[in-house]
Amino acid sequence: MENHNANRRDFVKKSSLGLLGVALAPSLIGKIGTNGRLRTAHIGVAGMGMADLKAISSHELVDVVALCDVDSNNLAAAKKLHPNAKGFVDYRKLFEEIGDDIDAVIVSTPDHTHAPASMMAMNMNKPVYCQKPLTHHVSEARAMRKLAEQKNLVTQMGIQVHSFYDYKLATLLIQSGIIGKVNCVRAWSPKNWGYDGPIPEGSDAVPETLDWNLWQGTAAERPYKEGFYHPGNWRKLVDYGCGTLGDMGVHIFDTPYNALQLDVPRTIKNKCRKPNGFGFPEHNTVTYEFPQTPYTTETLKWVWYDGKGAPKMHKDLKLPNKEKLPLQGAMFIGEKGRLLLPHFQELPRLIVDGEYKEMDIESFNLGAPVRDYDSEGKKHYHQFVDACLGKDECSAPFSYAAKLTETILLGVIAGRFPNKTLNWDANTAQFAEDEANALLDSTYRKF
């Protein structure tokens, strides 16, 4: 194992295999796929990765040709579903050995490997479906967006609810002006992808089924501790995940962010405990301020709450008839009323003068709502496949997903400077506060 480090930008250049910055030749655009079919490679095939594999492969024109996972148990389970697919432990070997035999790549790894794997795929001119959040660092999100645009690649971030009926309806309702211009959004999730405990001491034996070096990838090297990283707790930890904000926040932010046509915020403040250098805070209240859009007042305030007991009660969140708030969701506060959007698979509800009001949703011609998660979820995946085959367009391409992810990650960074307002310059991609700029990027470990 090498212990030398490389800057992220150096890694991106090397992972490009000499292709970084070279636009996709016009003759190649729109010619993805063989005989009208799409050959896919899947990096990360457990948990959400298994869900992604099943949804993508359910498309009648998909052939799964490669599976990759650092855990042999996960790989074996995926191979049972697709016995003819080639198996790999290292995604770099996958690209090296059969890069010419794949048409599109699905990245479903822990967050810290999203950008390294996706950038390598895109630099080989492969369309990419990448799970949310798009990246682990702001600089990576901007780099992925830029590369996708340079190469004119089909891309999609894994925010499946983006394609759900209820969320599309909420977007159309807001943009119709049903509550007037919006001045505030309050969003919440009581989930706890944080860790307030001590940094674990010592080390445990690495399971024989796990390649711990490859699991860590470009992240800083740490000794293995059972129960802290693989398979399920990495979201809680600074080196690998993005906390609750990076998990549920991306889903719940998506519709208000899209409906209001927001860009990145001007200021960010996170009310949380002091950083411990290892885990994310278990409770966060993040306040953003966004510049005006056609659907907002002069400034838009956005407040995110997470952790047990979230959200903190506020008059904006009071429901008629003393009803309880949905477990997770968002509330739009506008000039003429409020719109409640539960998460998920519940219709948005209009509140005016403290009472629910009926809405003429049939006028939006969305058809009947679907109450089948599998059916709704597959729409997002199949949209990517069809886009790769030139039959559709993606609704959450990296041009959109990178900005949404950047917004999320700015809130995560603010958690390292609790109760301090950070000022963000979207043009320079820098904070006014120098100490926060060090967290926009990271040093990539050679592995």
Protein backbone atom coordinates (compact mmCIF):
# COMPACT_ATOMS: atom_id res chain seq x y z
CA MET A 1 0.00 0.00 0.00
CA GLU A 2 1.35 3.44 -0.94
CA ASN A 3 1.13 6.18 1.64
CA HIS A 4 1.96 9.06 -0.69
CA ASN A 5 -0.72 11.68 -1.24
CA ALA A 6 -1.87 13.49 -4.35
CA ASN A 7 -3.99 16.59 -4.71
CA ARG A 8 -7.48 16.00 -6.08
CA ARG A 9 -6.66 17.89 -9.26
CA ASP A 10 -3.64 15.69 -9.90
CA PHE A 11 -5.78 12.59 -9.43
CA VAL A 12 -8.38 13.88 -11.87
CA LYS A 13 -5.69 14.49 -14.49
CA LYS A 14 -4.19 11.04 -14.03
CA SER A 15 -7.56 9.28 -13.92
CA SER A 16 -8.48 10.83 -17.24
CA LEU A 17 -6.16 8.45 -19.08
CA GLY A 18 -5.07 11.43 -21.15
CA LEU A 19 -8.61 12.51 -22.05
CA LEU A 20 -9.24 15.38 -19.63
CA GLY A 21 -10.55 18.48 -21.32
CA VAL A 22 -10.98 16.83 -24.73
CA ALA A 23 -14.49 17.35 -26.02
CA LEU A 24 -16.41 14.32 -27.18
CA ALA A 25 -16.03 14.05 -30.92
CA PRO A 26 -19.25 15.06 -32.70
CA SER A 27 -19.24 11.72 -34.52
CA LEU A 28 -19.57 9.91 -31.19
CA ILE A 29 -22.47 11.91 -29.81
CA GLY A 30 -25.73 9.99 -29.94
CA LYS A 31 -24.04 6.70 -30.90
CA ILE A 32 -23.98 5.12 -27.46
CA GLY A 33 -25.13 1.53 -27.28
CA THR A 34 -24.75 -1.55 -29.44
CA ASN A 35 -27.57 -2.80 -31.65
CA GLY A 36 -29.95 -0.49 -29.86
CA ARG A 37 -28.99 -1.85 -26.44
CA LEU A 38 -27.06 -0.31 -23.53
CA ARG A 39 -24.20 -2.16 -21.84
CA THR A 40 -23.84 -1.02 -18.23
CA ALA A 41 -21.15 -1.26 -15.56
CA HIS A 42 -22.15 -0.95 -11.90
CA ILE A 43 -19.68 0.32 -9.28
CA GLY A 44 -20.99 -0.44 -5.78
CA VAL A 45 -23.71 -3.11 -5.72
CA ALA A 46 -24.89 -3.30 -2.09
CA GLY A 47 -27.67 -1.39 -0.39
CA MET A 48 -28.64 1.48 -2.68
CA GLY A 49 -26.27 0.03 -5.25
CA MET A 50 -28.33 -3.16 -5.39
CA ALA A 51 -31.49 -1.08 -5.78
CA ASP A 52 -29.83 0.85 -8.60
CA LEU A 53 -28.70 -2.36 -10.26
CA LYS A 54 -32.19 -3.87 -10.17
CA ALA A 55 -33.87 -0.68 -11.44
CA ILE A 56 -31.43 -0.04 -14.29
CA SER A 57 -31.41 -3.68 -15.40
CA SER A 58 -35.21 -3.79 -15.38
CA HIS A 59 -35.11 -1.76 -18.59
CA GLU A 60 -35.66 -4.14 -21.49
CA LEU A 61 -32.77 -2.67 -23.49
CA VAL A 62 -30.07 -2.96 -20.80
CA ASP A 63 -27.34 -5.57 -20.65
CA VAL A 64 -25.34 -5.60 -17.41
CA VAL A 65 -21.78 -6.48 -18.43
CA ALA A 66 -19.71 -5.50 -15.36
CA LEU A 67 -20.14 -5.48 -11.57
CA CYS A 68 -17.69 -3.98 -9.10
CA ASP A 69 -17.60 -4.00 -5.30
CA VAL A 70 -14.85 -4.03 -2.67
CA ASP A 71 -16.82 -6.59 -0.62
CA SER A 72 -16.86 -10.07 -2.13
CA ASN A 73 -20.16 -10.90 -0.43
CA ASN A 74 -21.84 -7.97 -2.18
CA LEU A 75 -20.28 -8.92 -5.47
CA ALA A 76 -21.42 -12.52 -5.15
CA ALA A 77 -25.01 -11.44 -4.48
CA ALA A 78 -25.01 -9.23 -7.57
CA LYS A 79 -23.44 -11.98 -9.67
CA LYS A 80 -26.36 -14.27 -8.83
CA LEU A 81 -28.63 -11.78 -10.58
CA HIS A 82 -26.29 -11.28 -13.53
CA PRO A 83 -24.08 -14.36 -13.82
CA ASN A 84 -22.72 -13.35 -17.24
CA ALA A 85 -21.39 -10.00 -16.00
CA LYS A 86 -17.67 -9.74 -15.27
CA GLY A 87 -16.81 -9.10 -11.61
CA PHE A 88 -14.24 -6.62 -10.32
CA VAL A 89 -13.02 -5.41 -6.93
CA ASP A 90 -11.23 -2.30 -8.23
CA TYR A 91 -13.11 0.05 -10.59
CA ARG A 92 -9.81 1.14 -12.12
CA LYS A 93 -9.22 -2.44 -13.30
CA LEU A 94 -12.74 -2.53 -14.68
CA PHE A 95 -12.08 0.47 -16.90
CA GLU A 96 -8.64 -0.77 -17.88
CA GLU A 97 -9.75 -4.25 -18.86
CA ILE A 98 -13.18 -3.78 -20.45
CA GLY A 99 -13.60 -0.03 -20.90
CA ASP A 100 -14.36 -0.46 -24.59
CA ASP A 101 -17.11 -2.97 -23.83
CA ILE A 102 -19.30 -0.72 -21.68
CA ASP A 103 -21.60 2.10 -22.73
CA ALA A 104 -22.67 3.64 -19.42
CA VAL A 105 -21.59 3.57 -15.77
CA ILE A 106 -23.67 3.57 -12.58
CA VAL A 107 -21.81 4.76 -9.46
CA SER A 108 -23.42 3.72 -6.15
CA THR A 109 -20.48 3.79 -3.74
CA PRO A 110 -20.09 5.69 -0.45
CA ASP A 111 -19.97 9.45 -1.08
CA HIS A 112 -16.19 9.86 -1.01
CA THR A 113 -15.79 7.62 -4.07
CA HIS A 114 -18.51 9.23 -6.19
CA ALA A 115 -16.25 11.77 -7.88
CA PRO A 116 -13.11 9.61 -8.39
CA ALA A 117 -15.11 6.82 -10.07
CA SER A 118 -17.42 9.13 -12.02
CA MET A 119 -14.63 11.36 -13.30
CA MET A 120 -12.71 8.35 -14.55
CA ALA A 121 -15.80 7.11 -16.38
CA MET A 122 -16.60 10.49 -17.90
CA ASN A 123 -13.02 10.97 -19.03
CA MET A 124 -13.51 7.76 -21.00
CA ASN A 125 -16.62 9.33 -22.59
CA LYS A 126 -19.07 7.21 -20.59
CA PRO A 127 -22.47 8.53 -19.54
CA VAL A 128 -22.82 8.34 -15.75
CA TYR A 129 -25.68 7.77 -13.34
CA CYS A 130 -24.30 8.73 -9.90
CA GLN A 131 -26.05 8.38 -6.57
CA LYS A 132 -26.70 11.45 -4.44
CA PRO A 133 -25.10 13.56 -3.16
CA LEU A 134 -23.17 13.97 -6.38
CA THR A 135 -19.85 14.47 -4.61
CA HIS A 136 -18.11 14.67 -1.26
CA HIS A 137 -16.52 18.10 -1.90
CA VAL A 138 -17.65 21.33 -3.56
CA SER A 139 -14.64 21.37 -5.88
CA GLU A 140 -15.55 17.89 -7.13
CA ALA A 141 -19.13 18.94 -7.91
CA ARG A 142 -17.88 21.82 -10.02
CA ALA A 143 -15.34 19.61 -11.77
CA MET A 144 -17.94 16.97 -12.62
CA ARG A 145 -20.35 19.54 -13.96
CA LYS A 146 -17.65 21.10 -16.12
CA LEU A 147 -16.46 17.80 -17.54
CA ALA A 148 -19.98 16.59 -18.33
CA GLU A 149 -20.63 19.81 -20.22
CA GLN A 150 -17.30 19.71 -22.07
CA LYS A 151 -17.96 16.20 -23.28
CA ASN A 152 -21.70 16.61 -23.85
CA LEU A 153 -22.38 13.47 -21.83
CA VAL A 154 -25.69 12.09 -20.64
CA THR A 155 -25.69 12.29 -16.82
CA GLN A 156 -28.21 11.79 -14.03
CA MET A 157 -28.00 12.05 -10.24
CA GLY A 158 -29.83 9.43 -8.20
CA ILE A 159 -32.62 11.53 -6.72
CA GLN A 160 -35.44 9.25 -7.77
CA VAL A 161 -38.20 11.37 -6.23
CA HIS A 162 -37.34 14.04 -8.80
CA SER A 163 -39.44 11.97 -11.21
CA PHE A 164 -42.34 11.28 -8.81
CA TYR A 165 -45.80 12.67 -9.47
CA ASP A 166 -46.15 14.48 -6.12
CA TYR A 167 -42.91 16.41 -6.53
CA LYS A 168 -43.57 17.39 -10.13
CA LEU A 169 -47.00 18.60 -9.03
CA ALA A 170 -45.53 20.71 -6.23
CA THR A 171 -43.11 22.30 -8.70
CA LEU A 172 -45.94 23.24 -11.07
CA LEU A 173 -48.09 24.57 -8.21
CA ILE A 174 -45.34 26.85 -6.93
CA GLN A 175 -44.48 28.09 -10.40
CA SER A 176 -48.17 28.77 -11.10
CA GLY A 177 -48.09 31.35 -8.29
CA ILE A 178 -50.59 29.52 -6.09
CA ILE A 179 -49.02 31.01 -2.93
CA GLY A 180 -47.43 34.04 -4.58
CA LYS A 181 -43.72 34.72 -4.37
CA VAL A 182 -42.00 32.56 -1.77
CA ASN A 183 -40.02 34.21 1.02
CA CYS A 184 -39.04 31.18 3.09
CA VAL A 185 -38.69 27.40 2.90
CA ARG A 186 -38.46 25.22 6.00
CA ALA A 187 -37.42 21.60 5.50
CA TRP A 188 -36.72 18.81 7.96
CA SER A 189 -35.82 15.20 8.68
CA PRO A 190 -35.53 13.57 12.13
CA LYS A 191 -32.96 11.09 10.83
CA ASN A 192 -29.57 11.07 12.53
CA TRP A 193 -26.61 10.48 10.27
CA GLY A 194 -24.31 12.11 12.80
CA TYR A 195 -21.94 10.87 15.48
CA ASP A 196 -21.26 12.80 18.69
CA GLY A 197 -19.20 10.08 20.36
CA PRO A 198 -15.42 9.68 20.71
CA ILE A 199 -13.08 8.70 17.90
CA PRO A 200 -12.61 4.93 18.11
CA GLU A 201 -9.26 3.68 19.40
CA GLY A 202 -7.27 0.69 18.23
CA SER A 203 -8.15 -1.51 15.30
CA ASP A 204 -10.04 -4.68 14.46
CA ALA A 205 -9.25 -7.44 12.01
CA VAL A 206 -10.45 -6.58 8.52
CA PRO A 207 -13.06 -9.10 7.29
CA GLU A 208 -11.64 -11.50 4.73
CA THR A 209 -14.38 -10.46 2.33
CA LEU A 210 -13.44 -6.76 2.40
CA ASP A 211 -10.60 -4.92 0.64
CA TRP A 212 -10.19 -2.15 3.22
CA ASN A 213 -7.61 -0.25 1.17
CA LEU A 214 -9.93 -0.03 -1.82
CA TRP A 215 -12.92 0.82 0.38
CA GLN A 216 -11.01 3.84 1.74
CA GLY A 217 -9.95 4.76 -1.77
CA THR A 218 -8.80 8.37 -2.00
CA ALA A 219 -9.78 9.13 1.64
CA ALA A 220 -7.21 9.43 4.41
CA GLU A 221 -6.00 6.07 5.72
CA ARG A 222 -7.51 4.87 8.98
CA PRO A 223 -7.35 1.55 10.86
CA TYR A 224 -10.42 -0.62 10.40
CA LYS A 225 -12.94 -0.64 13.27
CA GLU A 226 -15.92 -2.96 13.14
CA GLY A 227 -19.26 -1.15 13.17
CA PHE A 228 -17.87 2.29 12.31
CA TYR A 229 -17.43 2.32 8.55
CA HIS A 230 -18.50 -0.60 6.38
CA PRO A 231 -21.21 -1.54 5.64
CA GLY A 232 -23.62 1.05 7.03
CA ASN A 233 -22.28 3.87 9.19
CA TRP A 234 -20.00 5.80 6.82
CA ARG A 235 -22.64 8.50 6.24
CA LYS A 236 -22.07 9.70 9.80
CA LEU A 237 -18.36 10.31 9.31
CA VAL A 238 -16.60 13.36 7.90
CA ASP A 239 -14.10 11.41 5.76
CA TYR A 240 -16.70 9.39 3.87
CA GLY A 241 -20.22 10.81 4.01
CA CYS A 242 -22.13 14.08 4.19
CA GLY A 243 -24.38 13.53 7.23
CA THR A 244 -28.16 13.73 7.25
CA LEU A 245 -28.01 16.87 5.12
CA GLY A 246 -26.19 14.95 2.38
CA ASP A 247 -28.53 11.99 2.61
CA MET A 248 -32.14 13.03 3.21
CA GLY A 249 -31.42 16.70 2.61
CA VAL A 250 -30.71 16.15 -1.08
CA HIS A 251 -34.10 14.46 -1.59
CA ILE A 252 -36.08 16.98 0.45
CA PHE A 253 -34.24 20.04 -0.92
CA ASP A 254 -34.67 18.91 -4.51
CA THR A 255 -38.26 19.98 -5.21
CA PRO A 256 -38.17 23.43 -3.54
CA TYR A 257 -34.75 24.05 -5.10
CA ASN A 258 -36.02 23.07 -8.54
CA ALA A 259 -39.41 24.76 -8.23
CA LEU A 260 -37.91 28.08 -7.16
CA GLN A 261 -35.10 27.85 -9.75
CA LEU A 262 -32.47 28.56 -7.12
CA ASP A 263 -28.75 28.87 -7.65
CA VAL A 264 -26.24 28.54 -4.82
CA PRO A 265 -26.73 30.55 -1.59
CA ARG A 266 -25.02 33.77 -0.54
CA THR A 267 -24.80 33.00 3.16
CA ILE A 268 -24.89 29.82 5.26
CA LYS A 269 -25.06 29.32 9.03
CA ASN A 270 -25.24 26.01 10.89
CA LYS A 271 -26.36 25.89 14.51
CA CYS A 272 -24.82 22.71 15.88
CA ARG A 273 -22.25 21.38 18.34
CA LYS A 274 -18.51 22.02 17.95
CA PRO A 275 -16.73 19.83 15.40
CA ASN A 276 -14.97 16.73 16.69
CA GLY A 277 -12.97 16.02 13.52
CA PHE A 278 -14.54 12.58 13.03
CA GLY A 279 -18.35 12.54 12.93
CA PHE A 280 -20.99 14.99 11.79
CA PRO A 281 -23.21 16.67 14.42
CA GLU A 282 -26.31 14.71 15.39
CA HIS A 283 -28.46 17.85 15.30
CA ASN A 284 -28.19 20.62 12.70
CA THR A 285 -30.18 23.77 12.02
CA VAL A 286 -28.84 25.24 8.80
CA THR A 287 -30.01 28.65 7.59
CA TYR A 288 -29.33 29.70 4.00
CA GLU A 289 -29.98 32.97 2.23
CA PHE A 290 -30.50 32.81 -1.54
CA PRO A 291 -30.65 35.63 -4.11
CA GLN A 292 -33.96 36.45 -5.76
CA THR A 293 -35.45 34.37 -8.56
CA PRO A 294 -38.70 34.88 -10.53
CA TYR A 295 -40.50 32.77 -7.91
CA THR A 296 -39.12 34.34 -4.70
CA THR A 297 -39.15 37.62 -2.90
CA GLU A 298 -36.01 39.80 -2.93
CA THR A 299 -34.22 37.27 -0.74
CA LEU A 300 -35.18 33.73 0.18
CA LYS A 301 -34.57 32.29 3.62
CA TRP A 302 -34.19 28.52 3.84
CA VAL A 303 -34.00 26.66 7.14
CA TRP A 304 -33.08 22.97 7.42
CA TYR A 305 -33.56 20.94 10.61
CA ASP A 306 -32.30 17.40 11.25
CA GLY A 307 -31.80 14.98 14.10
CA LYS A 308 -34.13 13.50 16.70
CA GLY A 309 -37.08 15.77 17.36
CA ALA A 310 -36.65 17.84 14.19
CA PRO A 311 -38.03 20.25 13.24
CA LYS A 312 -38.01 22.91 15.92
CA MET A 313 -41.54 24.25 16.00
CA HIS A 314 -42.23 27.57 14.33
CA LYS A 315 -45.39 29.44 13.41
CA ASP A 316 -44.63 28.74 9.74
CA LEU A 317 -45.02 25.04 10.45
CA LYS A 318 -48.35 25.06 12.30
CA LEU A 319 -50.99 22.95 10.57
CA PRO A 320 -54.77 23.33 10.58
CA ASN A 321 -56.77 21.41 13.18
CA LYS A 322 -53.63 21.01 15.32
CA GLU A 323 -52.44 18.22 13.02
CA LYS A 324 -48.94 16.83 13.37
CA LEU A 325 -46.35 17.54 10.72
CA PRO A 326 -45.33 14.69 8.44
CA LEU A 327 -42.19 12.93 9.65
CA GLN A 328 -40.14 14.52 6.87
CA GLY A 329 -40.94 17.25 4.41
CA ALA A 330 -40.82 20.89 3.38
CA MET A 331 -43.03 23.92 3.81
CA PHE A 332 -43.09 26.78 1.28
CA ILE A 333 -44.11 30.12 2.83
CA GLY A 334 -45.42 32.63 0.29
CA GLU A 335 -47.18 35.95 0.03
CA LYS A 336 -50.63 34.36 -0.31
CA GLY A 337 -50.32 31.18 1.73
CA ARG A 338 -48.25 28.07 2.39
CA LEU A 339 -47.69 24.80 0.58
CA LEU A 340 -46.83 21.66 2.57
CA LEU A 341 -44.90 18.95 0.74
CA PRO A 342 -44.53 15.74 2.78
CA HIS A 343 -41.72 13.32 2.00
CA PHE A 344 -42.81 11.13 0.31
CA GLN A 345 -45.78 9.89 -1.75
CA GLU A 346 -48.28 12.30 -0.29
CA LEU A 347 -49.87 15.08 -2.30
CA PRO A 348 -48.86 18.66 -1.47
CA ARG A 349 -51.43 20.60 0.55
CA LEU A 350 -52.36 24.26 0.25
CA ILE A 351 -52.86 26.26 3.45
CA VAL A 352 -54.42 29.74 3.35
CA ASP A 353 -55.33 31.75 6.47
CA GLY A 354 -54.74 28.71 8.63
CA GLU A 355 -57.07 26.41 6.69
CA TYR A 356 -56.58 23.77 4.01
CA LYS A 357 -57.82 24.80 0.56
CA GLU A 358 -58.77 22.63 -2.40
CA MET A 359 -56.60 22.84 -5.52
CA ASP A 360 -57.43 22.25 -9.17
CA ILE A 361 -54.59 19.81 -9.82
CA GLU A 362 -56.25 18.26 -12.89
CA SER A 363 -55.52 21.44 -14.82
CA PHE A 364 -51.81 20.56 -14.76
CA ASN A 365 -52.37 17.44 -16.91
CA LEU A 366 -50.06 15.18 -14.93
CA GLY A 367 -52.43 12.26 -15.04
CA ALA A 368 -53.36 10.16 -12.03
CA PRO A 369 -50.84 9.94 -9.19
CA VAL A 370 -48.93 6.69 -8.94
CA ARG A 371 -48.90 5.04 -5.52
CA ASP A 372 -46.27 2.44 -6.31
CA TYR A 373 -42.73 3.33 -5.25
CA ASP A 374 -41.16 0.79 -7.59
CA SER A 375 -43.07 2.11 -10.58
CA GLU A 376 -42.30 5.75 -9.76
CA GLY A 377 -38.67 5.05 -8.94
CA LYS A 378 -37.96 3.21 -12.17
CA LYS A 379 -39.01 6.27 -14.17
CA HIS A 380 -35.86 8.10 -13.10
CA TYR A 381 -33.57 5.19 -13.95
CA HIS A 382 -35.25 4.36 -17.22
CA GLN A 383 -35.10 8.01 -18.20
CA PHE A 384 -31.29 7.76 -17.97
CA VAL A 385 -31.20 4.60 -20.08
CA ASP A 386 -33.48 6.12 -22.71
CA ALA A 387 -31.40 9.31 -22.76
CA CYS A 388 -28.26 7.27 -23.38
CA LEU A 389 -30.04 5.65 -26.33
CA GLY A 390 -31.10 9.04 -27.69
CA LYS A 391 -34.79 8.61 -26.83
CA ASP A 392 -35.20 10.98 -23.87
CA GLU A 393 -33.50 13.67 -21.78
CA CYS A 394 -32.47 13.45 -18.13
CA SER A 395 -34.28 15.66 -15.63
CA ALA A 396 -31.48 15.72 -13.02
CA PRO A 397 -28.28 16.06 -15.11
CA PHE A 398 -25.04 17.09 -13.47
CA SER A 399 -25.61 20.68 -14.65
CA TYR A 400 -28.48 20.77 -12.14
CA ALA A 401 -27.27 18.18 -9.64
CA ALA A 402 -23.90 19.88 -9.11
CA LYS A 403 -25.53 23.13 -7.96
CA LEU A 404 -27.94 21.32 -5.66
CA THR A 405 -25.04 19.30 -4.23
CA GLU A 406 -22.92 22.41 -3.80
CA THR A 407 -25.71 24.01 -1.78
CA ILE A 408 -25.97 20.93 0.42
CA LEU A 409 -22.20 20.73 0.93
CA LEU A 410 -21.95 24.40 1.90
CA GLY A 411 -24.30 23.60 4.78
CA VAL A 412 -22.14 20.63 5.72
CA ILE A 413 -19.04 22.85 5.76
CA ALA A 414 -20.85 25.41 7.91
CA GLY A 415 -21.17 22.65 10.51
CA ARG A 416 -17.41 22.91 11.03
CA PHE A 417 -17.88 26.55 12.06
CA PRO A 418 -20.96 26.38 14.29
CA ASN A 419 -23.10 29.48 14.72
CA LYS A 420 -20.90 31.48 12.32
CA THR A 421 -22.29 33.01 9.14
CA LEU A 422 -20.23 32.05 6.09
CA ASN A 423 -20.36 34.22 2.98
CA TRP A 424 -20.14 32.41 -0.35
CA ASP A 425 -19.09 33.89 -3.70
CA ALA A 426 -20.53 31.72 -6.46
CA ASN A 427 -18.35 33.35 -9.12
CA THR A 428 -15.02 32.65 -7.44
CA ALA A 429 -16.19 29.51 -5.61
CA GLN A 430 -14.63 30.85 -2.42
CA PHE A 431 -15.77 31.85 1.05
CA ALA A 432 -14.98 35.30 2.39
CA GLU A 433 -13.79 33.40 5.48
CA ASP A 434 -10.38 31.93 4.54
CA GLU A 435 -10.49 29.15 7.11
CA ALA A 436 -13.55 27.63 5.44
CA ASN A 437 -11.93 27.48 1.99
CA ALA A 438 -9.66 24.63 3.07
CA LEU A 439 -12.74 22.39 3.26
CA LEU A 440 -13.78 22.91 -0.36
CA ASP A 441 -11.22 20.41 -1.56
CA SER A 442 -9.22 17.52 -0.17
CA THR A 443 -5.99 15.66 -0.61
CA TYR A 444 -6.47 12.41 -2.46
CA ARG A 445 -4.57 9.44 -1.07
CA LYS A 446 -2.85 7.19 -3.59
CA PHE A 447 -4.20 3.68 -3.12
